[in-house]
Amino acid sequence: MPPPNPQLRQQVISIYKELLNRGRDYPKGYNYFRERVYKAFKAKADLRDDEEIHRAIKHAEYVKKELEAL
């Protein structure tokens, strides 16, 4: 299994940090939000295909926009 693309890896880390930062004001609490984000990213940790990683990043961007709406 080849290692993930370094640029995509950096994008994933960046969006993860952004989501955690935005989760500080989550209505159910930061710990609840942090656990959910961790589980979501952990579930996708085995992705190696660039297209699948791009789709996961787009989904994370969508979640980030939804958090802004809260």
PDB file of N, CA and C in Angstrom:
ATOM      1  N   MET A   1       0.848  -1.169   0.000  1.00  0.00           N
ATOM      2  CA  MET A   1       0.000   0.000   0.000  1.00  0.00           C
ATOM      3  C   MET A   1       0.900   1.241   0.000  1.00  0.00           C
ATOM      4  N   PRO A   2       0.784   2.105  -1.021  1.00  0.00           N
ATOM      5  CA  PRO A   2       1.645   3.283  -1.094  1.00  0.00           C
ATOM      6  C   PRO A   2       1.239   4.335  -0.060  1.00  0.00           C
ATOM      7  N   PRO A   3       2.175   5.162   0.376  1.00  0.00           N
ATOM      8  CA  PRO A   3       1.836   6.213   1.330  1.00  0.00           C
ATOM      9  C   PRO A   3       0.967   7.274   0.659  1.00  0.00           C
ATOM     10  N   PRO A   4       0.178   7.992   1.437  1.00  0.00           N
ATOM     11  CA  PRO A   4      -0.694   9.020   0.854  1.00  0.00           C
ATOM     12  C   PRO A   4       0.124  10.182   0.292  1.00  0.00           C
ATOM     13  N   ASN A   5      -0.482  10.880  -0.627  1.00  0.00           N
ATOM     14  CA  ASN A   5       0.114  12.058  -1.235  1.00  0.00           C
ATOM     15  C   ASN A   5       0.411  13.088  -0.129  1.00  0.00           C
ATOM     16  N   PRO A   6       1.631  13.621  -0.039  1.00  0.00           N
ATOM     17  CA  PRO A   6       1.977  14.562   1.041  1.00  0.00           C
ATOM     18  C   PRO A   6       1.117  15.832   1.057  1.00  0.00           C
ATOM     19  N   GLN A   7       0.756  16.338  -0.128  1.00  0.00           N
ATOM     20  CA  GLN A   7      -0.086  17.539  -0.161  1.00  0.00           C
ATOM     21  C   GLN A   7      -1.481  17.238   0.368  1.00  0.00           C
ATOM     22  N   LEU A   8      -2.022  16.086  -0.007  1.00  0.00           N
ATOM     23  CA  LEU A   8      -3.346  15.716   0.493  1.00  0.00           C
ATOM     24  C   LEU A   8      -3.304  15.466   1.992  1.00  0.00           C
ATOM     25  N   ARG A   9      -2.240  14.868   2.445  1.00  0.00           N
ATOM     26  CA  ARG A   9      -2.087  14.619   3.884  1.00  0.00           C
ATOM     27  C   ARG A   9      -2.106  15.939   4.640  1.00  0.00           C
ATOM     28  N   GLN A  10      -1.415  16.942   4.111  1.00  0.00           N
ATOM     29  CA  GLN A  10      -1.391  18.252   4.758  1.00  0.00           C
ATOM     30  C   GLN A  10      -2.782  18.891   4.758  1.00  0.00           C
ATOM     31  N   GLN A  11      -3.537  18.722   3.670  1.00  0.00           N
ATOM     32  CA  GLN A  11      -4.902  19.247   3.609  1.00  0.00           C
ATOM     33  C   GLN A  11      -5.782  18.582   4.664  1.00  0.00           C
ATOM     34  N   VAL A  12      -5.636  17.281   4.825  1.00  0.00           N
ATOM     35  CA  VAL A  12      -6.436  16.540   5.800  1.00  0.00           C
ATOM     36  C   VAL A  12      -6.107  17.024   7.216  1.00  0.00           C
ATOM     37  N   ILE A  13      -4.852  17.188   7.510  1.00  0.00           N
ATOM     38  CA  ILE A  13      -4.453  17.669   8.841  1.00  0.00           C
ATOM     39  C   ILE A  13      -4.996  19.068   9.077  1.00  0.00           C
ATOM     40  N   SER A  14      -4.929  19.902   8.065  1.00  0.00           N
ATOM     41  CA  SER A  14      -5.416  21.280   8.187  1.00  0.00           C
ATOM     42  C   SER A  14      -6.923  21.322   8.457  1.00  0.00           C
ATOM     43  N   ILE A  15      -7.700  20.552   7.696  1.00  0.00           N
ATOM     44  CA  ILE A  15      -9.157  20.564   7.891  1.00  0.00           C
ATOM     45  C   ILE A  15      -9.523  19.959   9.240  1.00  0.00           C
ATOM     46  N   TYR A  16      -8.759  18.975   9.691  1.00  0.00           N
ATOM     47  CA  TYR A  16      -8.994  18.378  11.010  1.00  0.00           C
ATOM     48  C   TYR A  16      -8.812  19.438  12.103  1.00  0.00           C
ATOM     49  N   LYS A  17      -7.734  20.207  12.003  1.00  0.00           N
ATOM     50  CA  LYS A  17      -7.473  21.257  12.987  1.00  0.00           C
ATOM     51  C   LYS A  17      -8.541  22.343  12.933  1.00  0.00           C
ATOM     52  N   GLU A  18      -8.969  22.699  11.725  1.00  0.00           N
ATOM     53  CA  GLU A  18     -10.020  23.711  11.582  1.00  0.00           C
ATOM     54  C   GLU A  18     -11.321  23.238  12.216  1.00  0.00           C
ATOM     55  N   LEU A  19     -11.674  21.980  11.969  1.00  0.00           N
ATOM     56  CA  LEU A  19     -12.904  21.444  12.550  1.00  0.00           C
ATOM     57  C   LEU A  19     -12.824  21.440  14.075  1.00  0.00           C
ATOM     58  N   LEU A  20     -11.700  21.023  14.616  1.00  0.00           N
ATOM     59  CA  LEU A  20     -11.553  21.022  16.073  1.00  0.00           C
ATOM     60  C   LEU A  20     -11.665  22.432  16.638  1.00  0.00           C
ATOM     61  N   ASN A  21     -11.103  23.384  15.932  1.00  0.00           N
ATOM     62  CA  ASN A  21     -11.165  24.770  16.390  1.00  0.00           C
ATOM     63  C   ASN A  21     -12.605  25.285  16.377  1.00  0.00           C
ATOM     64  N   ARG A  22     -13.339  24.962  15.339  1.00  0.00           N
ATOM     65  CA  ARG A  22     -14.739  25.403  15.256  1.00  0.00           C
ATOM     66  C   ARG A  22     -15.648  24.665  16.234  1.00  0.00           C
ATOM     67  N   GLY A  23     -15.227  23.496  16.640  1.00  0.00           N
ATOM     68  CA  GLY A  23     -16.034  22.698  17.558  1.00  0.00           C
ATOM     69  C   GLY A  23     -16.040  23.215  18.985  1.00  0.00           C
ATOM     70  N   ARG A  24     -15.231  24.193  19.276  1.00  0.00           N
ATOM     71  CA  ARG A  24     -15.178  24.740  20.643  1.00  0.00           C
ATOM     72  C   ARG A  24     -16.513  25.347  21.069  1.00  0.00           C
ATOM     73  N   ASP A  25     -17.301  25.806  20.109  1.00  0.00           N
ATOM     74  CA  ASP A  25     -18.593  26.412  20.414  1.00  0.00           C
ATOM     75  C   ASP A  25     -19.757  25.474  20.118  1.00  0.00           C
ATOM     76  N   TYR A  26     -19.477  24.193  19.937  1.00  0.00           N
ATOM     77  CA  TYR A  26     -20.524  23.233  19.595  1.00  0.00           C
ATOM     78  C   TYR A  26     -21.518  23.120  20.759  1.00  0.00           C
ATOM     79  N   PRO A  27     -22.822  23.100  20.457  1.00  0.00           N
ATOM     80  CA  PRO A  27     -23.831  23.086  21.523  1.00  0.00           C
ATOM     81  C   PRO A  27     -23.728  21.912  22.505  1.00  0.00           C
ATOM     82  N   LYS A  28     -23.321  20.730  22.046  1.00  0.00           N
ATOM     83  CA  LYS A  28     -23.247  19.572  22.938  1.00  0.00           C
ATOM     84  C   LYS A  28     -21.915  19.491  23.670  1.00  0.00           C
ATOM     85  N   GLY A  29     -21.050  20.439  23.439  1.00  0.00           N
ATOM     86  CA  GLY A  29     -19.771  20.468  24.141  1.00  0.00           C
ATOM     87  C   GLY A  29     -18.612  20.051  23.265  1.00  0.00           C
ATOM     88  N   TYR A  30     -17.449  20.560  23.612  1.00  0.00           N
ATOM     89  CA  TYR A  30     -16.246  20.310  22.817  1.00  0.00           C
ATOM     90  C   TYR A  30     -15.826  18.851  22.867  1.00  0.00           C
ATOM     91  N   ASN A  31     -15.895  18.221  24.023  1.00  0.00           N
ATOM     92  CA  ASN A  31     -15.462  16.822  24.127  1.00  0.00           C
ATOM     93  C   ASN A  31     -16.311  15.903  23.255  1.00  0.00           C
ATOM     94  N   TYR A  32     -17.611  16.131  23.232  1.00  0.00           N
ATOM     95  CA  TYR A  32     -18.498  15.346  22.368  1.00  0.00           C
ATOM     96  C   TYR A  32     -18.096  15.529  20.911  1.00  0.00           C
ATOM     97  N   PHE A  33     -17.892  16.773  20.514  1.00  0.00           N
ATOM     98  CA  PHE A  33     -17.541  17.091  19.135  1.00  0.00           C
ATOM     99  C   PHE A  33     -16.183  16.490  18.765  1.00  0.00           C
ATOM    100  N   ARG A  34     -15.208  16.636  19.631  1.00  0.00           N
ATOM    101  CA  ARG A  34     -13.858  16.138  19.371  1.00  0.00           C
ATOM    102  C   ARG A  34     -13.860  14.623  19.162  1.00  0.00           C
ATOM    103  N   GLU A  35     -14.601  13.905  19.985  1.00  0.00           N
ATOM    104  CA  GLU A  35     -14.684  12.446  19.840  1.00  0.00           C
ATOM    105  C   GLU A  35     -15.308  12.058  18.501  1.00  0.00           C
ATOM    106  N   ARG A  36     -16.346  12.774  18.105  1.00  0.00           N
ATOM    107  CA  ARG A  36     -17.017  12.474  16.838  1.00  0.00           C
ATOM    108  C   ARG A  36     -16.099  12.745  15.646  1.00  0.00           C
ATOM    109  N   VAL A  37     -15.391  13.862  15.683  1.00  0.00           N
ATOM    110  CA  VAL A  37     -14.471  14.194  14.591  1.00  0.00           C
ATOM    111  C   VAL A  37     -13.348  13.165  14.528  1.00  0.00           C
ATOM    112  N   TYR A  38     -12.819  12.789  15.678  1.00  0.00           N
ATOM    113  CA  TYR A  38     -11.737  11.806  15.725  1.00  0.00           C
ATOM    114  C   TYR A  38     -12.193  10.484  15.105  1.00  0.00           C
ATOM    115  N   LYS A  39     -13.376  10.024  15.489  1.00  0.00           N
ATOM    116  CA  LYS A  39     -13.891   8.763  14.957  1.00  0.00           C
ATOM    117  C   LYS A  39     -14.110   8.839  13.446  1.00  0.00           C
ATOM    118  N   ALA A  40     -14.606   9.977  12.970  1.00  0.00           N
ATOM    119  CA  ALA A  40     -14.846  10.140  11.535  1.00  0.00           C
ATOM    120  C   ALA A  40     -13.542  10.100  10.747  1.00  0.00           C
ATOM    121  N   PHE A  41     -12.530  10.776  11.247  1.00  0.00           N
ATOM    122  CA  PHE A  41     -11.251  10.787  10.550  1.00  0.00           C
ATOM    123  C   PHE A  41     -10.548   9.440  10.681  1.00  0.00           C
ATOM    124  N   LYS A  42     -10.672   8.803  11.811  1.00  0.00           N
ATOM    125  CA  LYS A  42     -10.056   7.493  12.026  1.00  0.00           C
ATOM    126  C   LYS A  42     -10.661   6.454  11.067  1.00  0.00           C
ATOM    127  N   ALA A  43     -11.954   6.564  10.815  1.00  0.00           N
ATOM    128  CA  ALA A  43     -12.622   5.627   9.919  1.00  0.00           C
ATOM    129  C   ALA A  43     -12.106   5.747   8.480  1.00  0.00           C
ATOM    130  N   LYS A  44     -11.615   6.917   8.116  1.00  0.00           N
ATOM    131  CA  LYS A  44     -11.113   7.149   6.759  1.00  0.00           C
ATOM    132  C   LYS A  44      -9.585   7.091   6.687  1.00  0.00           C
ATOM    133  N   ALA A  45      -8.929   6.714   7.746  1.00  0.00           N
ATOM    134  CA  ALA A  45      -7.459   6.734   7.809  1.00  0.00           C
ATOM    135  C   ALA A  45      -6.807   5.775   6.824  1.00  0.00           C
ATOM    136  N   ASP A  46      -7.517   4.762   6.388  1.00  0.00           N
ATOM    137  CA  ASP A  46      -6.911   3.782   5.490  1.00  0.00           C
ATOM    138  C   ASP A  46      -7.062   4.148   4.013  1.00  0.00           C
ATOM    139  N   LEU A  47      -7.640   5.288   3.702  1.00  0.00           N
ATOM    140  CA  LEU A  47      -7.793   5.707   2.310  1.00  0.00           C
ATOM    141  C   LEU A  47      -6.430   5.980   1.686  1.00  0.00           C
ATOM    142  N   ARG A  48      -6.227   5.488   0.473  1.00  0.00           N
ATOM    143  CA  ARG A  48      -4.965   5.727  -0.233  1.00  0.00           C
ATOM    144  C   ARG A  48      -5.204   6.299  -1.630  1.00  0.00           C
ATOM    145  N   ASP A  49      -6.405   6.119  -2.157  1.00  0.00           N
ATOM    146  CA  ASP A  49      -6.736   6.633  -3.481  1.00  0.00           C
ATOM    147  C   ASP A  49      -6.967   8.143  -3.406  1.00  0.00           C
ATOM    148  N   ASP A  50      -6.289   8.893  -4.273  1.00  0.00           N
ATOM    149  CA  ASP A  50      -6.394  10.358  -4.234  1.00  0.00           C
ATOM    150  C   ASP A  50      -7.830  10.840  -4.424  1.00  0.00           C
ATOM    151  N   GLU A  51      -8.581  10.201  -5.295  1.00  0.00           N
ATOM    152  CA  GLU A  51      -9.972  10.611  -5.538  1.00  0.00           C
ATOM    153  C   GLU A  51     -10.832  10.420  -4.287  1.00  0.00           C
ATOM    154  N   GLU A  52     -10.653   9.318  -3.614  1.00  0.00           N
ATOM    155  CA  GLU A  52     -11.415   9.072  -2.390  1.00  0.00           C
ATOM    156  C   GLU A  52     -11.033  10.075  -1.309  1.00  0.00           C
ATOM    157  N   ILE A  53      -9.766  10.400  -1.229  1.00  0.00           N
ATOM    158  CA  ILE A  53      -9.311  11.390  -0.244  1.00  0.00           C
ATOM    159  C   ILE A  53      -9.907  12.756  -0.577  1.00  0.00           C
ATOM    160  N   HIS A  54      -9.955  13.117  -1.870  1.00  0.00           N
ATOM    161  CA  HIS A  54     -10.570  14.386  -2.274  1.00  0.00           C
ATOM    162  C   HIS A  54     -12.044  14.426  -1.881  1.00  0.00           C
ATOM    163  N   ARG A  55     -12.752  13.315  -2.082  1.00  0.00           N
ATOM    164  CA  ARG A  55     -14.164  13.261  -1.694  1.00  0.00           C
ATOM    165  C   ARG A  55     -14.336  13.434  -0.189  1.00  0.00           C
ATOM    166  N   ALA A  56     -13.455  12.812   0.584  1.00  0.00           N
ATOM    167  CA  ALA A  56     -13.532  12.946   2.040  1.00  0.00           C
ATOM    168  C   ALA A  56     -13.231  14.376   2.469  1.00  0.00           C
ATOM    169  N   ILE A  57     -12.295  15.029   1.808  1.00  0.00           N
ATOM    170  CA  ILE A  57     -11.976  16.431   2.116  1.00  0.00           C
ATOM    171  C   ILE A  57     -13.170  17.315   1.794  1.00  0.00           C
ATOM    172  N   LYS A  58     -13.822  17.069   0.663  1.00  0.00           N
ATOM    173  CA  LYS A  58     -15.012  17.856   0.307  1.00  0.00           C
ATOM    174  C   LYS A  58     -16.116  17.668   1.340  1.00  0.00           C
ATOM    175  N   HIS A  59     -16.273  16.450   1.830  1.00  0.00           N
ATOM    176  CA  HIS A  59     -17.279  16.205   2.867  1.00  0.00           C
ATOM    177  C   HIS A  59     -16.928  16.972   4.142  1.00  0.00           C
ATOM    178  N   ALA A  60     -15.655  16.974   4.503  1.00  0.00           N
ATOM    179  CA  ALA A  60     -15.219  17.704   5.697  1.00  0.00           C
ATOM    180  C   ALA A  60     -15.441  19.211   5.519  1.00  0.00           C
ATOM    181  N   GLU A  61     -15.224  19.727   4.305  1.00  0.00           N
ATOM    182  CA  GLU A  61     -15.490  21.142   4.031  1.00  0.00           C
ATOM    183  C   GLU A  61     -16.984  21.443   4.190  1.00  0.00           C
ATOM    184  N   TYR A  62     -17.824  20.519   3.749  1.00  0.00           N
ATOM    185  CA  TYR A  62     -19.273  20.682   3.905  1.00  0.00           C
ATOM    186  C   TYR A  62     -19.645  20.738   5.387  1.00  0.00           C
ATOM    187  N   VAL A  63     -19.079  19.850   6.178  1.00  0.00           N
ATOM    188  CA  VAL A  63     -19.351  19.832   7.613  1.00  0.00           C
ATOM    189  C   VAL A  63     -18.887  21.141   8.242  1.00  0.00           C
ATOM    190  N   LYS A  64     -17.754  21.641   7.797  1.00  0.00           N
ATOM    191  CA  LYS A  64     -17.237  22.909   8.315  1.00  0.00           C
ATOM    192  C   LYS A  64     -18.212  24.051   8.027  1.00  0.00           C
ATOM    193  N   LYS A  65     -18.776  24.065   6.820  1.00  0.00           N
ATOM    194  CA  LYS A  65     -19.759  25.101   6.464  1.00  0.00           C
ATOM    195  C   LYS A  65     -21.027  24.960   7.301  1.00  0.00           C
ATOM    196  N   GLU A  66     -21.442  23.734   7.563  1.00  0.00           N
ATOM    197  CA  GLU A  66     -22.617  23.519   8.396  1.00  0.00           C
ATOM    198  C   GLU A  66     -22.382  24.010   9.823  1.00  0.00           C
ATOM    199  N   LEU A  67     -21.170  23.858  10.309  1.00  0.00           N
ATOM    200  CA  LEU A  67     -20.851  24.361  11.640  1.00  0.00           C
ATOM    201  C   LEU A  67     -20.926  25.875  11.696  1.00  0.00           C
ATOM    202  N   GLU A  68     -20.545  26.522  10.608  1.00  0.00           N
ATOM    203  CA  GLU A  68     -20.625  27.976  10.551  1.00  0.00           C
ATOM    204  C   GLU A  68     -22.080  28.420  10.658  1.00  0.00           C
ATOM    205  N   ALA A  69     -22.996  27.616  10.124  1.00  0.00           N
ATOM    206  CA  ALA A  69     -24.416  27.949  10.159  1.00  0.00           C
ATOM    207  C   ALA A  69     -24.986  27.860  11.571  1.00  0.00           C
ATOM    208  N   LEU A  70     -24.355  27.072  12.433  1.00  0.00           N
ATOM    209  CA  LEU A  70     -24.835  26.971  13.820  1.00  0.00           C
ATOM    210  C   LEU A  70     -24.529  28.254  14.489  1.00  0.00           C
TER     211      LEU A  70
END
